[in-house]
Amino acid sequence: MPGILKITLVKSMIGRPEKHRRVLRGMGLTKLNKTVELKNIPSVRGMINQVSHLVKAEDKINEAK
């Protein structure tokens, strides 16, 4: 069962190639410091790998019991 990743846009996409911008928009990141939660699956990890210099990704640990 895949976990959840918290992904935050930490650097601006201004001046970046259009391919990077499309990847960020595909993940739902449109503004600086916006955070989204996505499933930890290979396709999402590949997207993070493409723009790793622009985002911060961390595992979300479910603390609700």
PDB file of N, CA and C in Angstrom:
ATOM      1  N   MET A   1       0.838  -1.177   0.000  1.00  0.00           N
ATOM      2  CA  MET A   1       0.000   0.000   0.000  1.00  0.00           C
ATOM      3  C   MET A   1       0.884   1.242   0.000  1.00  0.00           C
ATOM      4  N   PRO A   2       0.743   2.106  -1.000  1.00  0.00           N
ATOM      5  CA  PRO A   2       1.617   3.279  -1.077  1.00  0.00           C
ATOM      6  C   PRO A   2       1.289   4.292   0.003  1.00  0.00           C
ATOM      7  N   GLY A   3       2.344   4.969   0.460  1.00  0.00           N
ATOM      8  CA  GLY A   3       2.161   6.016   1.456  1.00  0.00           C
ATOM      9  C   GLY A   3       1.823   7.333   0.787  1.00  0.00           C
ATOM     10  N   ILE A   4       1.932   8.391   1.564  1.00  0.00           N
ATOM     11  CA  ILE A   4       1.623   9.732   1.083  1.00  0.00           C
ATOM     12  C   ILE A   4       2.894  10.572   1.151  1.00  0.00           C
ATOM     13  N   LEU A   5       3.127  11.390   0.123  1.00  0.00           N
ATOM     14  CA  LEU A   5       4.242  12.325   0.094  1.00  0.00           C
ATOM     15  C   LEU A   5       3.715  13.738   0.180  1.00  0.00           C
ATOM     16  N   LYS A   6       4.361  14.567   0.997  1.00  0.00           N
ATOM     17  CA  LYS A   6       4.057  15.992   1.042  1.00  0.00           C
ATOM     18  C   LYS A   6       5.101  16.687   0.179  1.00  0.00           C
ATOM     19  N   ILE A   7       4.657  17.400  -0.850  1.00  0.00           N
ATOM     20  CA  ILE A   7       5.562  18.043  -1.790  1.00  0.00           C
ATOM     21  C   ILE A   7       5.308  19.540  -1.738  1.00  0.00           C
ATOM     22  N   THR A   8       6.385  20.320  -1.538  1.00  0.00           N
ATOM     23  CA  THR A   8       6.282  21.766  -1.419  1.00  0.00           C
ATOM     24  C   THR A   8       7.161  22.422  -2.477  1.00  0.00           C
ATOM     25  N   LEU A   9       6.622  23.422  -3.168  1.00  0.00           N
ATOM     26  CA  LEU A   9       7.388  24.192  -4.146  1.00  0.00           C
ATOM     27  C   LEU A   9       8.206  25.229  -3.393  1.00  0.00           C
ATOM     28  N   VAL A  10       9.547  25.117  -3.429  1.00  0.00           N
ATOM     29  CA  VAL A  10      10.410  26.013  -2.656  1.00  0.00           C
ATOM     30  C   VAL A  10      11.169  27.008  -3.527  1.00  0.00           C
ATOM     31  N   LYS A  11      11.230  26.784  -4.823  1.00  0.00           N
ATOM     32  CA  LYS A  11      11.872  27.727  -5.731  1.00  0.00           C
ATOM     33  C   LYS A  11      10.918  28.059  -6.862  1.00  0.00           C
ATOM     34  N   SER A  12      11.015  29.267  -7.358  1.00  0.00           N
ATOM     35  CA  SER A  12      10.111  29.747  -8.394  1.00  0.00           C
ATOM     36  C   SER A  12      10.345  29.020  -9.710  1.00  0.00           C
ATOM     37  N   MET A  13       9.281  28.924 -10.497  1.00  0.00           N
ATOM     38  CA  MET A  13       9.409  28.312 -11.814  1.00  0.00           C
ATOM     39  C   MET A  13       9.699  29.349 -12.903  1.00  0.00           C
ATOM     40  N   ILE A  14       9.886  30.607 -12.514  1.00  0.00           N
ATOM     41  CA  ILE A  14      10.220  31.656 -13.481  1.00  0.00           C
ATOM     42  C   ILE A  14      11.582  31.349 -14.097  1.00  0.00           C
ATOM     43  N   GLY A  15      11.651  31.395 -15.412  1.00  0.00           N
ATOM     44  CA  GLY A  15      12.904  31.152 -16.120  1.00  0.00           C
ATOM     45  C   GLY A  15      13.252  29.686 -16.284  1.00  0.00           C
ATOM     46  N   ARG A  16      12.378  28.802 -15.870  1.00  0.00           N
ATOM     47  CA  ARG A  16      12.622  27.363 -16.007  1.00  0.00           C
ATOM     48  C   ARG A  16      12.052  26.883 -17.333  1.00  0.00           C
ATOM     49  N   PRO A  17      12.562  25.773 -17.840  1.00  0.00           N
ATOM     50  CA  PRO A  17      12.029  25.238 -19.103  1.00  0.00           C
ATOM     51  C   PRO A  17      10.547  24.873 -18.989  1.00  0.00           C
ATOM     52  N   GLU A  18       9.865  24.934 -20.103  1.00  0.00           N
ATOM     53  CA  GLU A  18       8.425  24.640 -20.129  1.00  0.00           C
ATOM     54  C   GLU A  18       8.140  23.221 -19.645  1.00  0.00           C
ATOM     55  N   LYS A  19       9.039  22.291 -19.893  1.00  0.00           N
ATOM     56  CA  LYS A  19       8.849  20.916 -19.437  1.00  0.00           C
ATOM     57  C   LYS A  19       8.764  20.859 -17.910  1.00  0.00           C
ATOM     58  N   HIS A  20       9.612  21.616 -17.219  1.00  0.00           N
ATOM     59  CA  HIS A  20       9.574  21.651 -15.757  1.00  0.00           C
ATOM     60  C   HIS A  20       8.272  22.284 -15.277  1.00  0.00           C
ATOM     61  N   ARG A  21       7.836  23.339 -15.939  1.00  0.00           N
ATOM     62  CA  ARG A  21       6.594  24.008 -15.560  1.00  0.00           C
ATOM     63  C   ARG A  21       5.401  23.065 -15.697  1.00  0.00           C
ATOM     64  N   ARG A  22       5.378  22.272 -16.768  1.00  0.00           N
ATOM     65  CA  ARG A  22       4.281  21.327 -16.973  1.00  0.00           C
ATOM     66  C   ARG A  22       4.266  20.249 -15.893  1.00  0.00           C
ATOM     67  N   VAL A  23       5.445  19.798 -15.488  1.00  0.00           N
ATOM     68  CA  VAL A  23       5.528  18.787 -14.428  1.00  0.00           C
ATOM     69  C   VAL A  23       4.983  19.362 -13.122  1.00  0.00           C
ATOM     70  N   LEU A  24       5.379  20.585 -12.790  1.00  0.00           N
ATOM     71  CA  LEU A  24       4.914  21.210 -11.549  1.00  0.00           C
ATOM     72  C   LEU A  24       3.407  21.424 -11.570  1.00  0.00           C
ATOM     73  N   ARG A  25       2.871  21.895 -12.688  1.00  0.00           N
ATOM     74  CA  ARG A  25       1.430  22.094 -12.790  1.00  0.00           C
ATOM     75  C   ARG A  25       0.690  20.766 -12.715  1.00  0.00           C
ATOM     76  N   GLY A  26       1.280  19.720 -13.273  1.00  0.00           N
ATOM     77  CA  GLY A  26       0.672  18.386 -13.218  1.00  0.00           C
ATOM     78  C   GLY A  26       0.579  17.854 -11.802  1.00  0.00           C
ATOM     79  N   MET A  27       1.510  18.267 -10.944  1.00  0.00           N
ATOM     80  CA  MET A  27       1.471  17.867  -9.540  1.00  0.00           C
ATOM     81  C   MET A  27       0.560  18.773  -8.723  1.00  0.00           C
ATOM     82  N   GLY A  28       0.095  19.877  -9.319  1.00  0.00           N
ATOM     83  CA  GLY A  28      -0.791  20.794  -8.607  1.00  0.00           C
ATOM     84  C   GLY A  28      -0.056  21.925  -7.921  1.00  0.00           C
ATOM     85  N   LEU A  29       1.228  22.107  -8.245  1.00  0.00           N
ATOM     86  CA  LEU A  29       2.014  23.172  -7.630  1.00  0.00           C
ATOM     87  C   LEU A  29       2.014  24.388  -8.553  1.00  0.00           C
ATOM     88  N   THR A  30       1.336  25.446  -8.134  1.00  0.00           N
ATOM     89  CA  THR A  30       1.215  26.632  -8.977  1.00  0.00           C
ATOM     90  C   THR A  30       1.846  27.866  -8.348  1.00  0.00           C
ATOM     91  N   LYS A  31       1.956  27.900  -7.029  1.00  0.00           N
ATOM     92  CA  LYS A  31       2.505  29.066  -6.338  1.00  0.00           C
ATOM     93  C   LYS A  31       3.625  28.638  -5.399  1.00  0.00           C
ATOM     94  N   LEU A  32       4.508  29.554  -5.111  1.00  0.00           N
ATOM     95  CA  LEU A  32       5.622  29.307  -4.212  1.00  0.00           C
ATOM     96  C   LEU A  32       5.108  28.946  -2.819  1.00  0.00           C
ATOM     97  N   ASN A  33       5.742  27.990  -2.186  1.00  0.00           N
ATOM     98  CA  ASN A  33       5.416  27.490  -0.842  1.00  0.00           C
ATOM     99  C   ASN A  33       4.080  26.756  -0.762  1.00  0.00           C
ATOM    100  N   LYS A  34       3.483  26.410  -1.885  1.00  0.00           N
ATOM    101  CA  LYS A  34       2.265  25.608  -1.873  1.00  0.00           C
ATOM    102  C   LYS A  34       2.649  24.150  -1.631  1.00  0.00           C
ATOM    103  N   THR A  35       1.855  23.467  -0.824  1.00  0.00           N
ATOM    104  CA  THR A  35       2.106  22.070  -0.495  1.00  0.00           C
ATOM    105  C   THR A  35       0.937  21.215  -0.971  1.00  0.00           C
ATOM    106  N   VAL A  36       1.271  20.087  -1.599  1.00  0.00           N
ATOM    107  CA  VAL A  36       0.264  19.128  -2.023  1.00  0.00           C
ATOM    108  C   VAL A  36       0.628  17.765  -1.452  1.00  0.00           C
ATOM    109  N   GLU A  37      -0.369  16.910  -1.316  1.00  0.00           N
ATOM    110  CA  GLU A  37      -0.153  15.545  -0.856  1.00  0.00           C
ATOM    111  C   GLU A  37      -0.518  14.596  -1.983  1.00  0.00           C
ATOM    112  N   LEU A  38       0.458  13.775  -2.392  1.00  0.00           N
ATOM    113  CA  LEU A  38       0.254  12.830  -3.480  1.00  0.00           C
ATOM    114  C   LEU A  38       0.676  11.438  -3.027  1.00  0.00           C
ATOM    115  N   LYS A  39       0.130  10.429  -3.680  1.00  0.00           N
ATOM    116  CA  LYS A  39       0.495   9.048  -3.367  1.00  0.00           C
ATOM    117  C   LYS A  39       1.950   8.792  -3.742  1.00  0.00           C
ATOM    118  N   ASN A  40       2.589   7.955  -2.967  1.00  0.00           N
ATOM    119  CA  ASN A  40       3.984   7.584  -3.208  1.00  0.00           C
ATOM    120  C   ASN A  40       4.006   6.421  -4.208  1.00  0.00           C
ATOM    121  N   ILE A  41       3.879   6.769  -5.494  1.00  0.00           N
ATOM    122  CA  ILE A  41       3.887   5.782  -6.566  1.00  0.00           C
ATOM    123  C   ILE A  41       5.003   6.145  -7.545  1.00  0.00           C
ATOM    124  N   PRO A  42       5.439   5.206  -8.377  1.00  0.00           N
ATOM    125  CA  PRO A  42       6.564   5.466  -9.273  1.00  0.00           C
ATOM    126  C   PRO A  42       6.398   6.685 -10.184  1.00  0.00           C
ATOM    127  N   SER A  43       5.196   6.926 -10.685  1.00  0.00           N
ATOM    128  CA  SER A  43       5.010   8.061 -11.592  1.00  0.00           C
ATOM    129  C   SER A  43       5.213   9.391 -10.865  1.00  0.00           C
ATOM    130  N   VAL A  44       4.754   9.491  -9.639  1.00  0.00           N
ATOM    131  CA  VAL A  44       4.926  10.722  -8.864  1.00  0.00           C
ATOM    132  C   VAL A  44       6.388  10.892  -8.468  1.00  0.00           C
ATOM    133  N   ARG A  45       7.044   9.796  -8.090  1.00  0.00           N
ATOM    134  CA  ARG A  45       8.466   9.892  -7.745  1.00  0.00           C
ATOM    135  C   ARG A  45       9.295  10.312  -8.952  1.00  0.00           C
ATOM    136  N   GLY A  46       8.905   9.881 -10.154  1.00  0.00           N
ATOM    137  CA  GLY A  46       9.590  10.309 -11.368  1.00  0.00           C
ATOM    138  C   GLY A  46       9.410  11.792 -11.627  1.00  0.00           C
ATOM    139  N   MET A  47       8.201  12.309 -11.356  1.00  0.00           N
ATOM    140  CA  MET A  47       7.955  13.739 -11.514  1.00  0.00           C
ATOM    141  C   MET A  47       8.795  14.542 -10.519  1.00  0.00           C
ATOM    142  N   ILE A  48       8.892  14.050  -9.289  1.00  0.00           N
ATOM    143  CA  ILE A  48       9.707  14.725  -8.279  1.00  0.00           C
ATOM    144  C   ILE A  48      11.169  14.720  -8.692  1.00  0.00           C
ATOM    145  N   ASN A  49      11.613  13.619  -9.261  1.00  0.00           N
ATOM    146  CA  ASN A  49      13.005  13.517  -9.708  1.00  0.00           C
ATOM    147  C   ASN A  49      13.323  14.535 -10.804  1.00  0.00           C
ATOM    148  N   GLN A  50      12.363  14.821 -11.674  1.00  0.00           N
ATOM    149  CA  GLN A  50      12.568  15.779 -12.764  1.00  0.00           C
ATOM    150  C   GLN A  50      12.768  17.198 -12.243  1.00  0.00           C
ATOM    151  N   VAL A  51      12.094  17.553 -11.153  1.00  0.00           N
ATOM    152  CA  VAL A  51      12.151  18.930 -10.639  1.00  0.00           C
ATOM    153  C   VAL A  51      12.647  18.952  -9.191  1.00  0.00           C
ATOM    154  N   SER A  52      13.545  18.050  -8.846  1.00  0.00           N
ATOM    155  CA  SER A  52      14.011  17.925  -7.460  1.00  0.00           C
ATOM    156  C   SER A  52      14.703  19.187  -6.956  1.00  0.00           C
ATOM    157  N   HIS A  53      15.240  20.000  -7.857  1.00  0.00           N
ATOM    158  CA  HIS A  53      15.913  21.235  -7.460  1.00  0.00           C
ATOM    159  C   HIS A  53      14.926  22.356  -7.140  1.00  0.00           C
ATOM    160  N   LEU A  54      13.639  22.141  -7.409  1.00  0.00           N
ATOM    161  CA  LEU A  54      12.612  23.163  -7.175  1.00  0.00           C
ATOM    162  C   LEU A  54      11.660  22.806  -6.040  1.00  0.00           C
ATOM    163  N   VAL A  55      11.638  21.544  -5.624  1.00  0.00           N
ATOM    164  CA  VAL A  55      10.660  21.094  -4.638  1.00  0.00           C
ATOM    165  C   VAL A  55      11.339  20.440  -3.437  1.00  0.00           C
ATOM    166  N   LYS A  56      10.563  20.343  -2.347  1.00  0.00           N
ATOM    167  CA  LYS A  56      10.979  19.592  -1.171  1.00  0.00           C
ATOM    168  C   LYS A  56       9.930  18.517  -0.955  1.00  0.00           C
ATOM    169  N   ALA A  57      10.350  17.268  -0.870  1.00  0.00           N
ATOM    170  CA  ALA A  57       9.415  16.153  -0.690  1.00  0.00           C
ATOM    171  C   ALA A  57       9.727  15.449   0.620  1.00  0.00           C
ATOM    172  N   GLU A  58       8.663  15.129   1.369  1.00  0.00           N
ATOM    173  CA  GLU A  58       8.830  14.404   2.626  1.00  0.00           C
ATOM    174  C   GLU A  58       7.708  13.401   2.783  1.00  0.00           C
ATOM    175  N   ASP A  59       7.986  12.317   3.491  1.00  0.00           N
ATOM    176  CA  ASP A  59       6.967  11.308   3.775  1.00  0.00           C
ATOM    177  C   ASP A  59       6.016  11.850   4.820  1.00  0.00           C
ATOM    178  N   LYS A  60       4.733  11.610   4.626  1.00  0.00           N
ATOM    179  CA  LYS A  60       3.738  11.998   5.619  1.00  0.00           C
ATOM    180  C   LYS A  60       3.452  10.790   6.475  1.00  0.00           C
ATOM    181  N   ILE A  61       3.581  10.946   7.755  1.00  0.00           N
ATOM    182  CA  ILE A  61       3.322   9.862   8.683  1.00  0.00           C
ATOM    183  C   ILE A  61       1.971  10.114   9.328  1.00  0.00           C
ATOM    184  N   ASN A  62       1.088   9.147   9.213  1.00  0.00           N
ATOM    185  CA  ASN A  62      -0.247   9.301   9.791  1.00  0.00           C
ATOM    186  C   ASN A  62      -0.159   9.185  11.294  1.00  0.00           C
ATOM    187  N   GLU A  63      -0.490  10.287  11.989  1.00  0.00           N
ATOM    188  CA  GLU A  63      -0.437  10.299  13.449  1.00  0.00           C
ATOM    189  C   GLU A  63      -1.826  10.200  14.066  1.00  0.00           C
ATOM    190  N   ALA A  64      -2.865  10.232  13.251  1.00  0.00           N
ATOM    191  CA  ALA A  64      -4.224  10.171  13.792  1.00  0.00           C
ATOM    192  C   ALA A  64      -4.555   8.732  14.199  1.00  0.00           C
ATOM    193  N   LYS A  65      -4.972   8.576  15.408  1.00  0.00           N
ATOM    194  CA  LYS A  65      -5.363   7.245  15.900  1.00  0.00           C
ATOM    195  C   LYS A  65      -6.653   7.334  16.640  1.00  0.00           C
TER     196      LYS A  65
END
